[in-house]
Amino acid sequence: MVAVRWERTPADEVYEFLLSQPTPEQVVNLQASETAQERLRYLLDGNRNNTLNDAERAELEAYLQLDNFVAQLKIRARDRVGK
């Protein structure tokens, strides 16, 4: 049997965070890990330089969708904090 190395994705980070039942304040303060930020910078640079392969383009798209989801969560959390 071949061992498969599982890497924690940014989506995994968000899932784990949400499962921790964060307060609205914690949602507002949510930030990507340094590892996720570094990977995103790499993908954005590759996109800008037109050097991404298909898998990397798909990964970048997934990051952007996740970022949109988190942004929407933060908007709703800010509304709750303000009440």
N, C-alpha and C. Protein backbone atom coordinates (compact mmCIF):
# COMPACT_ATOMS: atom_id res chain seq x y z
N MET A 1 0.83 -1.17 0.00
CA MET A 1 0.00 0.00 0.00
C MET A 1 0.89 1.24 0.00
N VAL A 2 0.49 2.25 -0.76
CA VAL A 2 1.23 3.49 -0.85
C VAL A 2 0.66 4.48 0.17
N ALA A 3 1.53 5.07 0.93
CA ALA A 3 1.08 6.07 1.90
C ALA A 3 0.80 7.38 1.17
N VAL A 4 -0.36 7.96 1.46
CA VAL A 4 -0.73 9.23 0.86
C VAL A 4 -0.60 10.31 1.92
N ARG A 5 0.10 11.33 1.57
CA ARG A 5 0.29 12.43 2.52
C ARG A 5 -0.88 13.40 2.38
N TRP A 6 -1.56 13.65 3.46
CA TRP A 6 -2.70 14.56 3.46
C TRP A 6 -2.22 15.93 3.92
N GLU A 7 -2.51 16.92 3.10
CA GLU A 7 -2.14 18.28 3.47
C GLU A 7 -3.40 19.06 3.81
N ARG A 8 -3.31 19.81 4.86
CA ARG A 8 -4.43 20.62 5.31
C ARG A 8 -4.60 21.80 4.35
N THR A 9 -5.80 21.95 3.83
CA THR A 9 -6.08 23.02 2.88
C THR A 9 -6.67 24.22 3.61
N PRO A 10 -6.70 25.37 2.95
CA PRO A 10 -7.37 26.52 3.55
C PRO A 10 -8.84 26.23 3.87
N ALA A 11 -9.49 25.47 3.02
CA ALA A 11 -10.88 25.10 3.31
C ALA A 11 -10.96 24.28 4.59
N ASP A 12 -10.02 23.37 4.79
CA ASP A 12 -9.98 22.60 6.04
C ASP A 12 -9.83 23.52 7.24
N GLU A 13 -9.01 24.54 7.11
CA GLU A 13 -8.83 25.51 8.20
C GLU A 13 -10.16 26.19 8.53
N VAL A 14 -10.90 26.58 7.50
CA VAL A 14 -12.18 27.25 7.72
C VAL A 14 -13.19 26.28 8.34
N TYR A 15 -13.25 25.04 7.83
CA TYR A 15 -14.17 24.06 8.40
C TYR A 15 -13.90 23.85 9.89
N GLU A 16 -12.63 23.66 10.23
CA GLU A 16 -12.27 23.45 11.64
C GLU A 16 -12.63 24.67 12.48
N PHE A 17 -12.38 25.84 11.95
CA PHE A 17 -12.72 27.07 12.66
C PHE A 17 -14.23 27.14 12.91
N LEU A 18 -15.02 26.88 11.89
CA LEU A 18 -16.48 26.96 12.05
C LEU A 18 -17.00 25.90 13.01
N LEU A 19 -16.39 24.73 13.00
CA LEU A 19 -16.80 23.69 13.93
C LEU A 19 -16.47 24.01 15.38
N SER A 20 -15.58 24.97 15.59
CA SER A 20 -15.24 25.38 16.95
C SER A 20 -16.29 26.32 17.53
N GLN A 21 -17.34 26.62 16.77
CA GLN A 21 -18.43 27.50 17.17
C GLN A 21 -17.91 28.87 17.61
N PRO A 22 -17.27 29.57 16.69
CA PRO A 22 -16.68 30.86 17.03
C PRO A 22 -17.74 31.92 17.31
N THR A 23 -17.34 32.92 18.09
CA THR A 23 -18.19 34.08 18.32
C THR A 23 -18.14 34.97 17.08
N PRO A 24 -19.09 35.89 16.94
CA PRO A 24 -19.01 36.82 15.81
C PRO A 24 -17.68 37.59 15.80
N GLU A 25 -17.18 37.95 16.97
CA GLU A 25 -15.90 38.66 17.04
C GLU A 25 -14.76 37.82 16.49
N GLN A 26 -14.77 36.53 16.80
CA GLN A 26 -13.73 35.64 16.29
C GLN A 26 -13.84 35.49 14.78
N VAL A 27 -15.06 35.47 14.25
CA VAL A 27 -15.25 35.39 12.81
C VAL A 27 -14.66 36.64 12.15
N VAL A 28 -14.96 37.80 12.70
CA VAL A 28 -14.44 39.06 12.15
C VAL A 28 -12.92 39.04 12.12
N ASN A 29 -12.30 38.44 13.11
CA ASN A 29 -10.84 38.43 13.23
C ASN A 29 -10.17 37.24 12.54
N LEU A 30 -10.93 36.38 11.88
CA LEU A 30 -10.36 35.20 11.22
C LEU A 30 -9.36 35.61 10.14
N GLN A 31 -8.21 34.96 10.15
CA GLN A 31 -7.18 35.20 9.14
C GLN A 31 -6.64 33.86 8.66
N ALA A 32 -6.24 33.82 7.42
CA ALA A 32 -5.63 32.60 6.88
C ALA A 32 -4.28 32.36 7.54
N SER A 33 -3.91 31.10 7.62
CA SER A 33 -2.60 30.77 8.18
C SER A 33 -1.50 31.34 7.28
N GLU A 34 -0.31 31.44 7.84
CA GLU A 34 0.83 31.93 7.05
C GLU A 34 1.09 31.01 5.86
N THR A 35 0.94 29.70 6.06
CA THR A 35 1.14 28.74 4.98
C THR A 35 0.14 29.00 3.84
N ALA A 36 -1.12 29.22 4.18
CA ALA A 36 -2.14 29.49 3.16
C ALA A 36 -1.85 30.81 2.45
N GLN A 37 -1.43 31.81 3.20
CA GLN A 37 -1.12 33.10 2.60
C GLN A 37 0.06 32.99 1.63
N GLU A 38 1.08 32.24 2.01
CA GLU A 38 2.24 32.05 1.12
C GLU A 38 1.82 31.33 -0.17
N ARG A 39 1.00 30.31 -0.03
CA ARG A 39 0.55 29.57 -1.21
C ARG A 39 -0.28 30.47 -2.13
N LEU A 40 -1.15 31.27 -1.54
CA LEU A 40 -1.97 32.17 -2.33
C LEU A 40 -1.10 33.19 -3.07
N ARG A 41 -0.07 33.72 -2.39
CA ARG A 41 0.84 34.65 -3.06
C ARG A 41 1.52 33.99 -4.26
N TYR A 42 1.94 32.74 -4.08
CA TYR A 42 2.56 31.98 -5.17
C TYR A 42 1.59 31.84 -6.34
N LEU A 43 0.35 31.46 -6.04
CA LEU A 43 -0.64 31.28 -7.10
C LEU A 43 -0.98 32.59 -7.79
N LEU A 44 -1.10 33.67 -7.03
CA LEU A 44 -1.39 34.96 -7.64
C LEU A 44 -0.25 35.44 -8.53
N ASP A 45 0.99 35.22 -8.07
CA ASP A 45 2.15 35.57 -8.90
C ASP A 45 2.16 34.75 -10.19
N GLY A 46 1.89 33.46 -10.05
CA GLY A 46 1.86 32.60 -11.23
C GLY A 46 0.75 32.99 -12.19
N ASN A 47 -0.38 33.39 -11.64
CA ASN A 47 -1.49 33.84 -12.48
C ASN A 47 -1.11 35.12 -13.22
N ARG A 48 -0.49 36.04 -12.50
CA ARG A 48 -0.07 37.31 -13.09
C ARG A 48 0.96 37.08 -14.21
N ASN A 49 1.83 36.09 -14.01
CA ASN A 49 2.88 35.79 -14.99
C ASN A 49 2.44 34.75 -16.03
N ASN A 50 1.20 34.30 -15.90
CA ASN A 50 0.65 33.31 -16.83
C ASN A 50 1.47 32.02 -16.85
N THR A 51 1.89 31.55 -15.66
CA THR A 51 2.71 30.34 -15.58
C THR A 51 2.03 29.21 -14.81
N LEU A 52 0.75 29.36 -14.46
CA LEU A 52 0.05 28.31 -13.71
C LEU A 52 -0.36 27.17 -14.63
N ASN A 53 -0.26 25.95 -14.11
CA ASN A 53 -0.81 24.82 -14.84
C ASN A 53 -2.30 24.70 -14.49
N ASP A 54 -2.99 23.75 -15.10
CA ASP A 54 -4.43 23.61 -14.89
C ASP A 54 -4.79 23.36 -13.43
N ALA A 55 -4.03 22.51 -12.76
CA ALA A 55 -4.31 22.20 -11.36
C ALA A 55 -4.13 23.44 -10.49
N GLU A 56 -3.11 24.22 -10.77
CA GLU A 56 -2.88 25.44 -9.99
C GLU A 56 -3.96 26.49 -10.25
N ARG A 57 -4.43 26.57 -11.48
CA ARG A 57 -5.54 27.50 -11.79
C ARG A 57 -6.79 27.10 -11.03
N ALA A 58 -7.06 25.80 -10.97
CA ALA A 58 -8.22 25.30 -10.22
C ALA A 58 -8.05 25.58 -8.73
N GLU A 59 -6.84 25.42 -8.24
CA GLU A 59 -6.56 25.71 -6.83
C GLU A 59 -6.78 27.19 -6.53
N LEU A 60 -6.31 28.06 -7.42
CA LEU A 60 -6.51 29.50 -7.24
C LEU A 60 -8.00 29.83 -7.24
N GLU A 61 -8.75 29.24 -8.13
CA GLU A 61 -10.20 29.47 -8.18
C GLU A 61 -10.86 29.04 -6.87
N ALA A 62 -10.43 27.91 -6.32
CA ALA A 62 -10.97 27.44 -5.05
C ALA A 62 -10.63 28.43 -3.93
N TYR A 63 -9.42 28.95 -3.93
CA TYR A 63 -9.03 29.96 -2.94
C TYR A 63 -9.94 31.18 -3.05
N LEU A 64 -10.18 31.63 -4.27
CA LEU A 64 -10.99 32.83 -4.47
C LEU A 64 -12.44 32.60 -4.02
N GLN A 65 -12.97 31.42 -4.28
CA GLN A 65 -14.32 31.10 -3.82
C GLN A 65 -14.38 31.06 -2.29
N LEU A 66 -13.38 30.47 -1.68
CA LEU A 66 -13.32 30.40 -0.23
C LEU A 66 -13.19 31.81 0.36
N ASP A 67 -12.38 32.64 -0.26
CA ASP A 67 -12.21 34.02 0.21
C ASP A 67 -13.54 34.77 0.16
N ASN A 68 -14.31 34.55 -0.90
CA ASN A 68 -15.62 35.19 -1.02
C ASN A 68 -16.56 34.71 0.09
N PHE A 69 -16.54 33.41 0.36
CA PHE A 69 -17.37 32.84 1.42
C PHE A 69 -17.01 33.45 2.77
N VAL A 70 -15.72 33.52 3.08
CA VAL A 70 -15.27 34.08 4.35
C VAL A 70 -15.62 35.56 4.44
N ALA A 71 -15.48 36.28 3.34
CA ALA A 71 -15.85 37.71 3.34
C ALA A 71 -17.33 37.88 3.68
N GLN A 72 -18.17 37.02 3.12
CA GLN A 72 -19.61 37.10 3.42
C GLN A 72 -19.87 36.76 4.89
N LEU A 73 -19.17 35.78 5.43
CA LEU A 73 -19.29 35.47 6.86
C LEU A 73 -18.92 36.67 7.72
N LYS A 74 -17.83 37.32 7.35
CA LYS A 74 -17.36 38.46 8.13
C LYS A 74 -18.35 39.62 8.08
N ILE A 75 -18.97 39.85 6.94
CA ILE A 75 -19.98 40.91 6.83
C ILE A 75 -21.13 40.63 7.80
N ARG A 76 -21.61 39.39 7.81
CA ARG A 76 -22.71 39.04 8.70
C ARG A 76 -22.30 39.10 10.16
N ALA A 77 -21.07 38.68 10.45
CA ALA A 77 -20.58 38.73 11.83
C ALA A 77 -20.45 40.17 12.30
N ARG A 78 -19.97 41.06 11.43
CA ARG A 78 -19.87 42.49 11.81
C ARG A 78 -21.24 43.07 12.13
N ASP A 79 -22.24 42.66 11.36
CA ASP A 79 -23.61 43.10 11.63
C ASP A 79 -24.06 42.68 13.03
N ARG A 80 -23.72 41.46 13.42
CA ARG A 80 -24.10 40.97 14.75
C ARG A 80 -23.33 41.67 15.86
N VAL A 81 -22.07 41.95 15.61
CA VAL A 81 -21.25 42.63 16.62
C VAL A 81 -21.79 44.05 16.84
N GLY A 82 -22.25 44.67 15.77
CA GLY A 82 -22.74 46.05 15.84
C GLY A 82 -24.08 46.20 16.50
N LYS A 83 -24.81 45.11 16.73
CA LYS A 83 -26.16 45.20 17.32
C LYS A 83 -26.13 45.25 18.81
